[in-house]
């Protein structure tokens, strides 16, 4: 999201934001309704869960490691 999009968002509750989304000119042409300018209300929910590794007690990140192919064991035999 651009900085402008974040500025005009209204916080509804903790981590939940709502804002108006204006279509681009290209988006208007795509809908085949160029005489109607529809503004949508969009709700965004922020998720602060980190999924690219393990967060240690001191705040550093231990990254996820991919296993070597030699270590591969099929899930089903």
C-alpha atoms as a PDB file:
ATOM      1  CA  UNK A   1       0.000   0.000   0.000  1.00  0.00           C
ATOM      2  CA  UNK A   2       1.149   3.525  -0.655  1.00  0.00           C
ATOM      3  CA  UNK A   3       1.658   6.047   2.151  1.00  0.00           C
ATOM      4  CA  UNK A   4      -1.395   7.990   0.944  1.00  0.00           C
ATOM      5  CA  UNK A   5      -3.616   4.918   1.320  1.00  0.00           C
ATOM      6  CA  UNK A   6      -2.482   4.434   4.905  1.00  0.00           C
ATOM      7  CA  UNK A   7      -3.010   8.106   5.815  1.00  0.00           C
ATOM      8  CA  UNK A   8      -6.705   8.147   4.914  1.00  0.00           C
ATOM      9  CA  UNK A   9      -7.557   4.848   6.647  1.00  0.00           C
ATOM     10  CA  UNK A  10      -9.698   5.038   9.792  1.00  0.00           C
ATOM     11  CA  UNK A  11      -8.943   2.626  12.645  1.00  0.00           C
ATOM     12  CA  UNK A  12     -12.160   0.772  13.537  1.00  0.00           C
ATOM     13  CA  UNK A  13     -10.604  -1.398  16.267  1.00  0.00           C
ATOM     14  CA  UNK A  14      -7.103  -2.592  17.132  1.00  0.00           C
ATOM     15  CA  UNK A  15      -5.444  -3.668  13.889  1.00  0.00           C
ATOM     16  CA  UNK A  16      -8.612  -3.166  11.804  1.00  0.00           C
ATOM     17  CA  UNK A  17      -8.806  -0.246   9.378  1.00  0.00           C
ATOM     18  CA  UNK A  18     -11.446   0.943   6.946  1.00  0.00           C
ATOM     19  CA  UNK A  19     -11.035   3.268   3.986  1.00  0.00           C
ATOM     20  CA  UNK A  20     -12.598   4.314   0.710  1.00  0.00           C
ATOM     21  CA  UNK A  21     -11.134   2.828  -2.451  1.00  0.00           C
ATOM     22  CA  UNK A  22     -11.410   4.878  -5.619  1.00  0.00           C
ATOM     23  CA  UNK A  23     -11.086   3.104  -8.965  1.00  0.00           C
ATOM     24  CA  UNK A  24      -8.429   4.128 -11.448  1.00  0.00           C
ATOM     25  CA  UNK A  25      -9.387   5.290 -14.933  1.00  0.00           C
ATOM     26  CA  UNK A  26      -8.248   1.921 -16.252  1.00  0.00           C
ATOM     27  CA  UNK A  27     -10.471   0.215 -13.667  1.00  0.00           C
ATOM     28  CA  UNK A  28     -13.465   2.262 -14.817  1.00  0.00           C
ATOM     29  CA  UNK A  29     -12.889   1.247 -18.422  1.00  0.00           C
ATOM     30  CA  UNK A  30     -12.645  -2.399 -17.370  1.00  0.00           C
ATOM     31  CA  UNK A  31     -16.146  -2.305 -15.791  1.00  0.00           C
ATOM     32  CA  UNK A  32     -17.742  -0.890 -18.977  1.00  0.00           C
ATOM     33  CA  UNK A  33     -19.576   1.648 -16.776  1.00  0.00           C
ATOM     34  CA  UNK A  34     -17.535   4.804 -17.413  1.00  0.00           C
ATOM     35  CA  UNK A  35     -20.440   7.088 -16.443  1.00  0.00           C
ATOM     36  CA  UNK A  36     -20.708   5.578 -12.946  1.00  0.00           C
ATOM     37  CA  UNK A  37     -17.909   6.260 -10.489  1.00  0.00           C
ATOM     38  CA  UNK A  38     -18.293   3.657  -7.735  1.00  0.00           C
ATOM     39  CA  UNK A  39     -16.386   4.152  -4.479  1.00  0.00           C
ATOM     40  CA  UNK A  40     -15.947   0.980  -2.397  1.00  0.00           C
ATOM     41  CA  UNK A  41     -15.367   0.786   1.344  1.00  0.00           C
ATOM     42  CA  UNK A  42     -12.499  -1.610   2.064  1.00  0.00           C
ATOM     43  CA  UNK A  43     -11.686  -3.143   5.454  1.00  0.00           C
ATOM     44  CA  UNK A  44      -8.063  -4.128   6.140  1.00  0.00           C
ATOM     45  CA  UNK A  45      -7.040  -6.396   9.011  1.00  0.00           C
ATOM     46  CA  UNK A  46      -3.386  -6.269  10.021  1.00  0.00           C
ATOM     47  CA  UNK A  47      -1.780  -9.509  11.151  1.00  0.00           C
ATOM     48  CA  UNK A  48       1.449  -9.019  13.076  1.00  0.00           C
ATOM     49  CA  UNK A  49       2.343 -12.732  13.199  1.00  0.00           C
ATOM     50  CA  UNK A  50       5.856 -13.371  11.842  1.00  0.00           C
ATOM     51  CA  UNK A  51       5.942 -16.449   9.584  1.00  0.00           C
ATOM     52  CA  UNK A  52       9.439 -16.405   8.053  1.00  0.00           C
ATOM     53  CA  UNK A  53      11.276 -17.800  11.055  1.00  0.00           C
ATOM     54  CA  UNK A  54      11.261 -18.187  14.809  1.00  0.00           C
ATOM     55  CA  UNK A  55      11.460 -15.105  17.019  1.00  0.00           C
ATOM     56  CA  UNK A  56      13.815 -15.791  19.943  1.00  0.00           C
ATOM     57  CA  UNK A  57      13.479 -14.375  23.475  1.00  0.00           C
ATOM     58  CA  UNK A  58      15.897 -11.508  22.703  1.00  0.00           C
ATOM     59  CA  UNK A  59      13.942 -10.539  19.568  1.00  0.00           C
ATOM     60  CA  UNK A  60      16.329 -11.908  16.948  1.00  0.00           C
ATOM     61  CA  UNK A  61      15.016 -14.130  14.168  1.00  0.00           C
ATOM     62  CA  UNK A  62      16.089 -17.710  13.533  1.00  0.00           C
ATOM     63  CA  UNK A  63      15.202 -18.220   9.836  1.00  0.00           C
ATOM     64  CA  UNK A  64      13.355 -21.256   8.549  1.00  0.00           C
ATOM     65  CA  UNK A  65      15.659 -23.774   6.884  1.00  0.00           C
ATOM     66  CA  UNK A  66      14.737 -25.925   3.919  1.00  0.00           C
ATOM     67  CA  UNK A  67      15.792 -29.568   4.244  1.00  0.00           C
ATOM     68  CA  UNK A  68      18.185 -31.140   1.757  1.00  0.00           C
ATOM     69  CA  UNK A  69      16.650 -33.529  -0.757  1.00  0.00           C
ATOM     70  CA  UNK A  70      18.591 -36.422   0.872  1.00  0.00           C
ATOM     71  CA  UNK A  71      16.628 -35.797   4.085  1.00  0.00           C
ATOM     72  CA  UNK A  72      13.301 -35.973   2.261  1.00  0.00           C
ATOM     73  CA  UNK A  73      10.880 -38.613   3.491  1.00  0.00           C
ATOM     74  CA  UNK A  74       7.509 -38.897   1.752  1.00  0.00           C
ATOM     75  CA  UNK A  75       4.428 -38.222   3.850  1.00  0.00           C
ATOM     76  CA  UNK A  76       2.639 -41.278   2.460  1.00  0.00           C
ATOM     77  CA  UNK A  77       4.215 -44.590   1.475  1.00  0.00           C
END
